[in-house]
N, C-alpha and C. Protein backbone atom coordinates (compact mmCIF):
# COMPACT_ATOMS: atom_id res chain seq x y z
N MET A 1 -59.72 53.74 -29.61
CA MET A 1 -58.99 52.60 -29.11
C MET A 1 -60.00 51.62 -28.52
N GLY A 2 -59.91 50.37 -28.95
CA GLY A 2 -60.84 49.36 -28.47
C GLY A 2 -60.40 48.76 -27.15
N ASN A 3 -61.10 47.68 -26.78
CA ASN A 3 -60.79 47.03 -25.51
C ASN A 3 -59.40 46.42 -25.50
N ILE A 4 -59.00 45.82 -26.61
CA ILE A 4 -57.67 45.21 -26.67
C ILE A 4 -56.59 46.28 -26.60
N GLY A 5 -56.80 47.40 -27.27
CA GLY A 5 -55.84 48.50 -27.19
C GLY A 5 -55.75 49.08 -25.80
N LEU A 6 -56.89 49.17 -25.13
CA LEU A 6 -56.88 49.69 -23.76
C LEU A 6 -56.18 48.73 -22.81
N LEU A 7 -56.41 47.43 -23.00
CA LEU A 7 -55.74 46.43 -22.17
C LEU A 7 -54.23 46.42 -22.43
N ALA A 8 -53.84 46.54 -23.69
CA ALA A 8 -52.41 46.60 -24.02
C ALA A 8 -51.77 47.86 -23.44
N THR A 9 -52.49 48.97 -23.48
CA THR A 9 -51.98 50.21 -22.91
C THR A 9 -51.80 50.09 -21.40
N PHE A 10 -52.75 49.46 -20.75
CA PHE A 10 -52.64 49.27 -19.29
C PHE A 10 -51.45 48.37 -18.96
N GLY A 11 -51.32 47.26 -19.67
CA GLY A 11 -50.21 46.34 -19.41
C GLY A 11 -48.86 46.99 -19.67
N LEU A 12 -48.79 47.77 -20.72
CA LEU A 12 -47.53 48.46 -21.03
C LEU A 12 -47.23 49.56 -20.02
N THR A 13 -48.26 50.20 -19.50
CA THR A 13 -48.05 51.21 -18.46
C THR A 13 -47.49 50.57 -17.19
N VAL A 14 -48.06 49.45 -16.81
CA VAL A 14 -47.56 48.75 -15.62
C VAL A 14 -46.12 48.30 -15.83
N ALA A 15 -45.82 47.76 -17.01
CA ALA A 15 -44.45 47.32 -17.31
C ALA A 15 -43.48 48.49 -17.34
N THR A 16 -43.92 49.64 -17.84
CA THR A 16 -43.06 50.81 -17.90
C THR A 16 -42.73 51.32 -16.51
N VAL A 17 -43.72 51.40 -15.66
CA VAL A 17 -43.48 51.85 -14.28
C VAL A 17 -42.58 50.84 -13.56
N TRP A 18 -42.82 49.55 -13.77
CA TRP A 18 -41.98 48.53 -13.15
C TRP A 18 -40.53 48.67 -13.60
N LEU A 19 -40.32 48.88 -14.89
CA LEU A 19 -38.96 49.01 -15.40
C LEU A 19 -38.29 50.28 -14.89
N ALA A 20 -39.04 51.37 -14.82
CA ALA A 20 -38.47 52.63 -14.33
C ALA A 20 -38.06 52.53 -12.86
N VAL A 21 -38.80 51.74 -12.09
CA VAL A 21 -38.49 51.60 -10.66
C VAL A 21 -37.33 50.64 -10.45
N THR A 22 -37.30 49.54 -11.19
CA THR A 22 -36.29 48.51 -10.94
C THR A 22 -35.02 48.68 -11.75
N ARG A 23 -35.02 49.51 -12.77
CA ARG A 23 -33.84 49.63 -13.63
C ARG A 23 -32.59 50.13 -12.90
N PRO A 24 -32.66 51.08 -11.96
CA PRO A 24 -31.42 51.49 -11.28
C PRO A 24 -30.77 50.39 -10.45
N ARG A 25 -31.56 49.45 -9.94
CA ARG A 25 -31.01 48.36 -9.13
C ARG A 25 -30.68 47.13 -9.96
N MET A 26 -31.11 47.10 -11.20
CA MET A 26 -30.95 45.94 -12.05
C MET A 26 -29.52 45.87 -12.60
N ARG A 27 -29.03 44.65 -12.80
CA ARG A 27 -27.72 44.49 -13.41
C ARG A 27 -27.79 44.95 -14.86
N LEU A 28 -26.68 45.45 -15.37
CA LEU A 28 -26.67 45.99 -16.72
C LEU A 28 -26.83 44.92 -17.79
N ASP A 29 -26.39 43.70 -17.51
CA ASP A 29 -26.46 42.65 -18.52
C ASP A 29 -27.75 41.84 -18.47
N ASN A 30 -28.76 42.35 -17.80
CA ASN A 30 -30.06 41.69 -17.72
C ASN A 30 -30.80 41.87 -19.05
N SER A 31 -31.44 40.81 -19.53
CA SER A 31 -32.11 40.86 -20.84
C SER A 31 -33.59 41.20 -20.76
N TRP A 32 -34.18 41.27 -19.57
CA TRP A 32 -35.62 41.56 -19.47
C TRP A 32 -36.01 42.92 -20.05
N PRO A 33 -35.22 43.97 -19.87
CA PRO A 33 -35.61 45.24 -20.50
C PRO A 33 -35.70 45.16 -22.02
N LEU A 34 -34.90 44.30 -22.64
CA LEU A 34 -34.98 44.17 -24.10
C LEU A 34 -36.31 43.56 -24.54
N PHE A 35 -36.84 42.62 -23.74
CA PHE A 35 -38.16 42.07 -24.05
C PHE A 35 -39.24 43.13 -23.90
N TYR A 36 -39.10 43.98 -22.88
CA TYR A 36 -40.04 45.09 -22.71
C TYR A 36 -40.01 46.01 -23.92
N TYR A 37 -38.80 46.36 -24.37
CA TYR A 37 -38.68 47.27 -25.50
C TYR A 37 -39.18 46.65 -26.79
N LEU A 38 -39.08 45.34 -26.92
CA LEU A 38 -39.67 44.65 -28.08
C LEU A 38 -41.19 44.84 -28.08
N GLY A 39 -41.80 44.65 -26.91
CA GLY A 39 -43.24 44.88 -26.80
C GLY A 39 -43.61 46.33 -27.02
N LEU A 40 -42.76 47.23 -26.58
CA LEU A 40 -43.02 48.66 -26.76
C LEU A 40 -42.99 49.05 -28.24
N VAL A 41 -42.03 48.51 -28.98
CA VAL A 41 -41.94 48.82 -30.41
C VAL A 41 -43.13 48.22 -31.16
N VAL A 42 -43.56 47.03 -30.77
CA VAL A 42 -44.76 46.43 -31.39
C VAL A 42 -45.98 47.29 -31.10
N TYR A 43 -46.11 47.76 -29.86
CA TYR A 43 -47.21 48.65 -29.50
C TYR A 43 -47.16 49.95 -30.29
N LEU A 44 -45.95 50.50 -30.43
CA LEU A 44 -45.77 51.74 -31.18
C LEU A 44 -46.23 51.59 -32.62
N ASN A 45 -45.92 50.46 -33.23
CA ASN A 45 -46.30 50.23 -34.62
C ASN A 45 -47.76 49.82 -34.77
N SER A 46 -48.39 49.35 -33.69
CA SER A 46 -49.80 48.93 -33.76
C SER A 46 -50.76 50.11 -33.57
N LEU A 47 -50.50 50.92 -32.57
CA LEU A 47 -51.39 52.05 -32.27
C LEU A 47 -50.64 53.35 -32.54
N GLU A 48 -51.05 54.05 -33.53
CA GLU A 48 -50.37 55.28 -33.91
C GLU A 48 -50.87 56.45 -33.07
N LEU A 49 -50.06 57.47 -32.99
CA LEU A 49 -50.35 58.74 -32.33
C LEU A 49 -50.54 58.61 -30.82
N VAL A 50 -50.04 57.55 -30.22
CA VAL A 50 -50.07 57.44 -28.77
C VAL A 50 -48.70 57.80 -28.20
N LEU A 51 -47.66 57.24 -28.79
CA LEU A 51 -46.29 57.48 -28.32
C LEU A 51 -45.49 58.21 -29.38
N ASN A 52 -44.53 58.98 -28.93
CA ASN A 52 -43.61 59.66 -29.83
C ASN A 52 -42.53 58.66 -30.25
N PRO A 53 -42.40 58.37 -31.54
CA PRO A 53 -41.42 57.35 -31.96
C PRO A 53 -39.99 57.71 -31.62
N TYR A 54 -39.64 58.99 -31.65
CA TYR A 54 -38.28 59.39 -31.34
C TYR A 54 -37.92 59.07 -29.88
N VAL A 55 -38.85 59.28 -28.98
CA VAL A 55 -38.59 58.99 -27.57
C VAL A 55 -38.45 57.48 -27.37
N VAL A 56 -39.29 56.71 -28.04
CA VAL A 56 -39.22 55.25 -27.92
C VAL A 56 -37.89 54.74 -28.43
N TYR A 57 -37.45 55.23 -29.57
CA TYR A 57 -36.21 54.72 -30.14
C TYR A 57 -34.98 55.22 -29.37
N VAL A 58 -35.06 56.38 -28.75
CA VAL A 58 -33.97 56.82 -27.87
C VAL A 58 -33.87 55.88 -26.68
N ALA A 59 -35.01 55.49 -26.12
CA ALA A 59 -35.01 54.55 -25.00
C ALA A 59 -34.47 53.19 -25.42
N VAL A 60 -34.81 52.73 -26.61
CA VAL A 60 -34.31 51.45 -27.10
C VAL A 60 -32.79 51.50 -27.27
N VAL A 61 -32.29 52.58 -27.84
CA VAL A 61 -30.84 52.72 -28.03
C VAL A 61 -30.13 52.78 -26.67
N CYS A 62 -30.72 53.47 -25.71
CA CYS A 62 -30.13 53.51 -24.37
C CYS A 62 -30.09 52.12 -23.75
N ALA A 63 -31.16 51.35 -23.91
CA ALA A 63 -31.18 50.00 -23.36
C ALA A 63 -30.14 49.11 -24.03
N LEU A 64 -29.97 49.27 -25.32
CA LEU A 64 -28.95 48.48 -26.01
C LEU A 64 -27.54 48.89 -25.58
N LEU A 65 -27.32 50.17 -25.39
CA LEU A 65 -26.02 50.63 -24.91
C LEU A 65 -25.73 50.11 -23.50
N LEU A 66 -26.75 50.07 -22.66
CA LEU A 66 -26.55 49.56 -21.31
C LEU A 66 -26.38 48.05 -21.30
N ARG A 67 -27.05 47.36 -22.18
CA ARG A 67 -26.96 45.89 -22.22
C ARG A 67 -25.58 45.44 -22.65
N PHE A 68 -25.05 46.07 -23.67
CA PHE A 68 -23.73 45.70 -24.17
C PHE A 68 -22.73 46.72 -23.64
N GLU A 69 -22.42 46.59 -22.36
CA GLU A 69 -21.66 47.59 -21.62
C GLU A 69 -20.21 47.67 -22.10
N PHE A 70 -19.87 48.78 -22.66
CA PHE A 70 -18.51 49.04 -23.09
C PHE A 70 -18.12 50.48 -22.79
N MET A 71 -18.81 51.09 -21.83
CA MET A 71 -18.61 52.50 -21.52
C MET A 71 -18.10 52.63 -20.09
N ASN A 72 -17.56 53.81 -19.78
CA ASN A 72 -17.13 54.04 -18.40
C ASN A 72 -18.34 54.43 -17.55
N GLU A 73 -18.12 54.60 -16.26
CA GLU A 73 -19.24 54.81 -15.33
C GLU A 73 -19.97 56.13 -15.54
N ARG A 74 -19.28 57.16 -15.94
CA ARG A 74 -19.95 58.46 -16.17
C ARG A 74 -20.91 58.39 -17.34
N VAL A 75 -20.48 57.75 -18.40
CA VAL A 75 -21.35 57.62 -19.58
C VAL A 75 -22.53 56.71 -19.25
N ILE A 76 -22.29 55.65 -18.51
CA ILE A 76 -23.39 54.76 -18.10
C ILE A 76 -24.41 55.54 -17.26
N PHE A 77 -23.93 56.40 -16.37
CA PHE A 77 -24.84 57.21 -15.55
C PHE A 77 -25.69 58.13 -16.44
N LEU A 78 -25.08 58.78 -17.42
CA LEU A 78 -25.82 59.67 -18.31
C LEU A 78 -26.83 58.90 -19.17
N VAL A 79 -26.45 57.72 -19.63
CA VAL A 79 -27.37 56.91 -20.44
C VAL A 79 -28.54 56.43 -19.58
N ARG A 80 -28.27 56.09 -18.33
CA ARG A 80 -29.37 55.69 -17.43
C ARG A 80 -30.33 56.84 -17.16
N ILE A 81 -29.81 58.03 -16.98
CA ILE A 81 -30.66 59.20 -16.77
C ILE A 81 -31.51 59.47 -18.01
N LEU A 82 -30.90 59.35 -19.18
CA LEU A 82 -31.64 59.56 -20.43
C LEU A 82 -32.73 58.51 -20.60
N GLU A 83 -32.42 57.25 -20.26
CA GLU A 83 -33.42 56.19 -20.37
C GLU A 83 -34.55 56.40 -19.37
N LEU A 84 -34.21 56.82 -18.17
CA LEU A 84 -35.24 57.07 -17.16
C LEU A 84 -36.16 58.21 -17.59
N GLY A 85 -35.60 59.26 -18.17
CA GLY A 85 -36.43 60.35 -18.69
C GLY A 85 -37.35 59.88 -19.80
N ALA A 86 -36.83 59.03 -20.68
CA ALA A 86 -37.67 58.50 -21.76
C ALA A 86 -38.77 57.60 -21.19
N LEU A 87 -38.45 56.79 -20.18
CA LEU A 87 -39.48 55.93 -19.57
C LEU A 87 -40.55 56.76 -18.87
N LEU A 88 -40.16 57.84 -18.22
CA LEU A 88 -41.15 58.71 -17.58
C LEU A 88 -42.06 59.36 -18.61
N HIS A 89 -41.49 59.79 -19.74
CA HIS A 89 -42.30 60.38 -20.80
C HIS A 89 -43.25 59.33 -21.39
N ILE A 90 -42.77 58.13 -21.60
CA ILE A 90 -43.60 57.06 -22.16
C ILE A 90 -44.74 56.73 -21.21
N SER A 91 -44.45 56.62 -19.92
CA SER A 91 -45.51 56.31 -18.96
C SER A 91 -46.54 57.43 -18.89
N TRP A 92 -46.09 58.68 -18.97
CA TRP A 92 -47.02 59.80 -18.95
C TRP A 92 -47.95 59.76 -20.16
N ARG A 93 -47.40 59.50 -21.34
CA ARG A 93 -48.22 59.42 -22.55
C ARG A 93 -49.20 58.25 -22.50
N LEU A 94 -48.77 57.12 -21.94
CA LEU A 94 -49.67 55.97 -21.84
C LEU A 94 -50.80 56.23 -20.85
N ILE A 95 -50.49 56.88 -19.74
CA ILE A 95 -51.53 57.19 -18.76
C ILE A 95 -52.53 58.18 -19.34
N THR A 96 -52.06 59.20 -20.05
CA THR A 96 -53.00 60.15 -20.65
C THR A 96 -53.83 59.49 -21.75
N ALA A 97 -53.26 58.52 -22.47
CA ALA A 97 -54.04 57.81 -23.49
C ALA A 97 -55.13 56.97 -22.84
N MET A 98 -54.84 56.36 -21.69
CA MET A 98 -55.87 55.59 -21.00
C MET A 98 -56.96 56.48 -20.45
N VAL A 99 -56.59 57.62 -19.91
CA VAL A 99 -57.61 58.53 -19.35
C VAL A 99 -58.51 59.06 -20.46
N LYS A 100 -57.95 59.37 -21.61
CA LYS A 100 -58.77 59.85 -22.72
C LYS A 100 -59.67 58.77 -23.28
N ALA A 101 -59.24 57.51 -23.21
CA ALA A 101 -60.05 56.41 -23.75
C ALA A 101 -61.21 56.06 -22.84
N ILE A 102 -61.07 56.37 -21.55
CA ILE A 102 -62.14 56.05 -20.60
C ILE A 102 -63.13 57.13 -20.61
């Protein structure tokens, strides 16, 4: 991974931690998480073998389900827990990729 890849990994790690911390307090119809997930999918397709694609796409589907809210509160709670678990896994993989690159 070159300097640009390392910088992108660092920026995405910071954004992932920010989203994981602020997502429980954020309104469900906020569009900022969708921009984050757009960048995450671009990163996933640019640098291979850093992130698990299944975890990324589960997080994207959870964000889309939360954005277009048509579920009751119990299902929203379960989807938020699933998204938080995916964000924690993504941040862990990004941090380990940065440590290995240094």
